[in-house]
Amino acid sequence: MLYLPQTARAEPGNPGELEAIFKAELAALPADDLPLQQGMAHGSVAKGDALSAMVIGSEIDSSQVRIRAGLFFASVVAGCACTNDPTPMNDESEYCEVEFVIERPGGAARVRLLESDG
């Protein structure tokens, strides 16, 4: 279970503050807690380092905070890592959209991968 307690306490009237708090809490989460592997389009293994987010939209009411976000991350095409393996280990740029539903006031959160349009 994910917890984003500071995001859950954000006030509805200040979207810039909500975005800053959410991004800070997201950066502190283990990448394995996010659906990066399922959201890949190019690689075979998602890398959680250098994860960044863009808030696309948010809604706050008395019981929850909903945030739709685009996640930017990298993946690699994993080879056998043998000496004569011709597959280079290059990072591939990845992007997926997710929705976070964060319960108020405690901050218990669920995240789900949104379907891509492409």
C-alpha atoms as a PDB file:
ATOM      1  CA  MET A   1       0.000   0.000   0.000  1.00  0.00           C
ATOM      2  CA  LEU A   2       1.244   3.447  -0.892  1.00  0.00           C
ATOM      3  CA  TYR A   3       0.969   6.374   1.499  1.00  0.00           C
ATOM      4  CA  LEU A   4       1.003  10.023   0.438  1.00  0.00           C
ATOM      5  CA  PRO A   5      -0.077  11.768   3.658  1.00  0.00           C
ATOM      6  CA  GLN A   6       1.120  15.276   2.788  1.00  0.00           C
ATOM      7  CA  THR A   7      -0.675  15.164  -0.564  1.00  0.00           C
ATOM      8  CA  ALA A   8      -3.833  14.011   1.255  1.00  0.00           C
ATOM      9  CA  ARG A   9      -3.672  17.122   3.461  1.00  0.00           C
ATOM     10  CA  ALA A  10      -3.317  19.549   0.524  1.00  0.00           C
ATOM     11  CA  GLU A  11      -5.892  22.306   0.298  1.00  0.00           C
ATOM     12  CA  PRO A  12      -8.140  22.502  -2.777  1.00  0.00           C
ATOM     13  CA  GLY A  13      -7.493  26.183  -3.490  1.00  0.00           C
ATOM     14  CA  ASN A  14      -3.800  25.927  -4.370  1.00  0.00           C
ATOM     15  CA  PRO A  15      -3.020  23.570  -7.302  1.00  0.00           C
ATOM     16  CA  GLY A  16       0.636  24.674  -7.471  1.00  0.00           C
ATOM     17  CA  GLU A  17       1.196  23.642  -3.861  1.00  0.00           C
ATOM     18  CA  LEU A  18      -0.582  20.316  -4.438  1.00  0.00           C
ATOM     19  CA  GLU A  19       1.655  19.590  -7.421  1.00  0.00           C
ATOM     20  CA  ALA A  20       4.863  20.400  -5.532  1.00  0.00           C
ATOM     21  CA  ILE A  21       3.880  18.274  -2.532  1.00  0.00           C
ATOM     22  CA  PHE A  22       2.780  15.367  -4.743  1.00  0.00           C
ATOM     23  CA  LYS A  23       6.005  15.411  -6.781  1.00  0.00           C
ATOM     24  CA  ALA A  24       8.133  15.448  -3.613  1.00  0.00           C
ATOM     25  CA  GLU A  25       6.259  12.493  -2.111  1.00  0.00           C
ATOM     26  CA  LEU A  26       6.312  10.615  -5.423  1.00  0.00           C
ATOM     27  CA  ALA A  27      10.099  11.043  -5.670  1.00  0.00           C
ATOM     28  CA  ALA A  28      10.467   9.413  -2.238  1.00  0.00           C
ATOM     29  CA  LEU A  29       8.474   6.289  -3.223  1.00  0.00           C
ATOM     30  CA  PRO A  30      10.263   3.104  -4.264  1.00  0.00           C
ATOM     31  CA  ALA A  31       9.962   2.823  -8.056  1.00  0.00           C
ATOM     32  CA  ASP A  32       8.815  -0.788  -7.660  1.00  0.00           C
ATOM     33  CA  ASP A  33       5.604   0.518  -6.062  1.00  0.00           C
ATOM     34  CA  LEU A  34       4.611   2.178  -9.344  1.00  0.00           C
ATOM     35  CA  PRO A  35       3.325   0.430 -12.495  1.00  0.00           C
ATOM     36  CA  LEU A  36       6.373   1.380 -14.565  1.00  0.00           C
ATOM     37  CA  GLN A  37       7.027  -2.145 -15.841  1.00  0.00           C
ATOM     38  CA  GLN A  38       3.453  -2.393 -17.146  1.00  0.00           C
ATOM     39  CA  GLY A  39       3.619   1.079 -18.692  1.00  0.00           C
ATOM     40  CA  MET A  40       6.691   0.477 -20.853  1.00  0.00           C
ATOM     41  CA  ALA A  41       6.490   0.684 -24.629  1.00  0.00           C
ATOM     42  CA  HIS A  42      10.129   0.206 -25.692  1.00  0.00           C
ATOM     43  CA  GLY A  43      12.315  -1.658 -23.221  1.00  0.00           C
ATOM     44  CA  SER A  44      12.078  -4.876 -21.302  1.00  0.00           C
ATOM     45  CA  VAL A  45      13.093  -3.690 -17.804  1.00  0.00           C
ATOM     46  CA  ALA A  46      11.918  -0.433 -16.222  1.00  0.00           C
ATOM     47  CA  LYS A  47      14.455   1.695 -14.380  1.00  0.00           C
ATOM     48  CA  GLY A  48      13.177   3.813 -11.524  1.00  0.00           C
ATOM     49  CA  ASP A  49      16.092   6.201 -11.295  1.00  0.00           C
ATOM     50  CA  ALA A  50      15.510   9.630 -12.829  1.00  0.00           C
ATOM     51  CA  LEU A  51      11.726   9.276 -12.536  1.00  0.00           C
ATOM     52  CA  SER A  52       9.863  12.522 -13.069  1.00  0.00           C
ATOM     53  CA  ALA A  53       6.187  13.391 -13.149  1.00  0.00           C
ATOM     54  CA  MET A  54       3.864  15.872 -14.765  1.00  0.00           C
ATOM     55  CA  VAL A  55       0.497  16.513 -13.131  1.00  0.00           C
ATOM     56  CA  ILE A  56      -2.151  16.483 -15.855  1.00  0.00           C
ATOM     57  CA  GLY A  57      -5.149  17.060 -13.616  1.00  0.00           C
ATOM     58  CA  SER A  58      -6.330  16.852 -10.034  1.00  0.00           C
ATOM     59  CA  GLU A  59      -9.556  16.823  -8.050  1.00  0.00           C
ATOM     60  CA  ILE A  60      -9.893  17.238  -4.301  1.00  0.00           C
ATOM     61  CA  ASP A  61     -12.983  16.602  -2.213  1.00  0.00           C
ATOM     62  CA  SER A  62     -13.575  15.834   1.446  1.00  0.00           C
ATOM     63  CA  SER A  63     -12.794  12.110   1.127  1.00  0.00           C
ATOM     64  CA  GLN A  64     -10.058  11.842  -1.495  1.00  0.00           C
ATOM     65  CA  VAL A  65      -7.530  13.440  -3.818  1.00  0.00           C
ATOM     66  CA  ARG A  66      -7.402  12.201  -7.424  1.00  0.00           C
ATOM     67  CA  ILE A  67      -4.327  13.001  -9.470  1.00  0.00           C
ATOM     68  CA  ARG A  68      -3.775  12.082 -13.095  1.00  0.00           C
ATOM     69  CA  ALA A  69      -0.066  12.202 -13.848  1.00  0.00           C
ATOM     70  CA  GLY A  70       2.331  11.460 -16.664  1.00  0.00           C
ATOM     71  CA  LEU A  71       5.421   9.564 -15.557  1.00  0.00           C
ATOM     72  CA  PHE A  72       8.700   9.906 -17.436  1.00  0.00           C
ATOM     73  CA  PHE A  73      11.266   7.180 -16.814  1.00  0.00           C
ATOM     74  CA  ALA A  74      13.810   4.996 -18.572  1.00  0.00           C
ATOM     75  CA  SER A  75      13.947   1.343 -19.519  1.00  0.00           C
ATOM     76  CA  VAL A  76      16.565  -0.961 -20.969  1.00  0.00           C
ATOM     77  CA  VAL A  77      16.448  -3.892 -23.335  1.00  0.00           C
ATOM     78  CA  ALA A  78      18.144  -6.507 -21.207  1.00  0.00           C
ATOM     79  CA  GLY A  79      20.600  -8.796 -22.963  1.00  0.00           C
ATOM     80  CA  CYS A  80      22.569 -11.629 -21.504  1.00  0.00           C
ATOM     81  CA  ALA A  81      25.433  -9.304 -20.461  1.00  0.00           C
ATOM     82  CA  CYS A  82      27.914 -11.721 -22.005  1.00  0.00           C
ATOM     83  CA  THR A  83      31.196 -10.459 -23.393  1.00  0.00           C
ATOM     84  CA  ASN A  84      30.137 -11.131 -26.973  1.00  0.00           C
ATOM     85  CA  ASP A  85      26.525  -9.922 -26.579  1.00  0.00           C
ATOM     86  CA  PRO A  86      25.856  -7.501 -29.474  1.00  0.00           C
ATOM     87  CA  THR A  87      22.944  -5.854 -27.642  1.00  0.00           C
ATOM     88  CA  PRO A  88      24.025  -2.497 -26.217  1.00  0.00           C
ATOM     89  CA  MET A  89      22.580  -1.483 -22.850  1.00  0.00           C
ATOM     90  CA  ASN A  90      21.060   1.835 -23.915  1.00  0.00           C
ATOM     91  CA  ASP A  91      18.394   3.625 -21.937  1.00  0.00           C
ATOM     92  CA  GLU A  92      15.069   4.003 -23.721  1.00  0.00           C
ATOM     93  CA  SER A  93      12.808   6.951 -22.894  1.00  0.00           C
ATOM     94  CA  GLU A  94       9.425   5.856 -21.565  1.00  0.00           C
ATOM     95  CA  TYR A  95       6.174   7.591 -20.654  1.00  0.00           C
ATOM     96  CA  CYS A  96       2.932   6.367 -19.152  1.00  0.00           C
ATOM     97  CA  GLU A  97      -0.102   7.944 -17.551  1.00  0.00           C
ATOM     98  CA  VAL A  98      -1.399   6.885 -14.158  1.00  0.00           C
ATOM     99  CA  GLU A  99      -4.132   7.867 -11.760  1.00  0.00           C
ATOM    100  CA  PHE A 100      -3.547   8.155  -8.032  1.00  0.00           C
ATOM    101  CA  VAL A 101      -6.514   7.990  -5.652  1.00  0.00           C
ATOM    102  CA  ILE A 102      -5.420   9.196  -2.228  1.00  0.00           C
ATOM    103  CA  GLU A 103      -7.763   8.803   0.746  1.00  0.00           C
ATOM    104  CA  ARG A 104      -8.210  11.787   3.022  1.00  0.00           C
ATOM    105  CA  PRO A 105      -7.087  12.385   5.686  1.00  0.00           C
ATOM    106  CA  GLY A 106      -4.759   9.383   6.147  1.00  0.00           C
ATOM    107  CA  GLY A 107      -3.022   9.291   2.775  1.00  0.00           C
ATOM    108  CA  ALA A 108      -3.519   5.628   1.805  1.00  0.00           C
ATOM    109  CA  ALA A 109      -3.161   5.631  -1.968  1.00  0.00           C
ATOM    110  CA  ARG A 110      -3.893   3.433  -4.945  1.00  0.00           C
ATOM    111  CA  VAL A 111      -2.307   3.891  -8.334  1.00  0.00           C
ATOM    112  CA  ARG A 112      -3.458   2.458 -11.634  1.00  0.00           C
ATOM    113  CA  LEU A 113      -2.060   2.586 -15.126  1.00  0.00           C
ATOM    114  CA  LEU A 114      -4.289   4.403 -17.604  1.00  0.00           C
ATOM    115  CA  GLU A 115      -4.761   3.064 -21.103  1.00  0.00           C
ATOM    116  CA  SER A 116      -2.627   4.768 -23.727  1.00  0.00           C
ATOM    117  CA  ASP A 117      -4.224   6.293 -26.784  1.00  0.00           C
ATOM    118  CA  GLY A 118      -1.455   5.093 -29.067  1.00  0.00           C
END
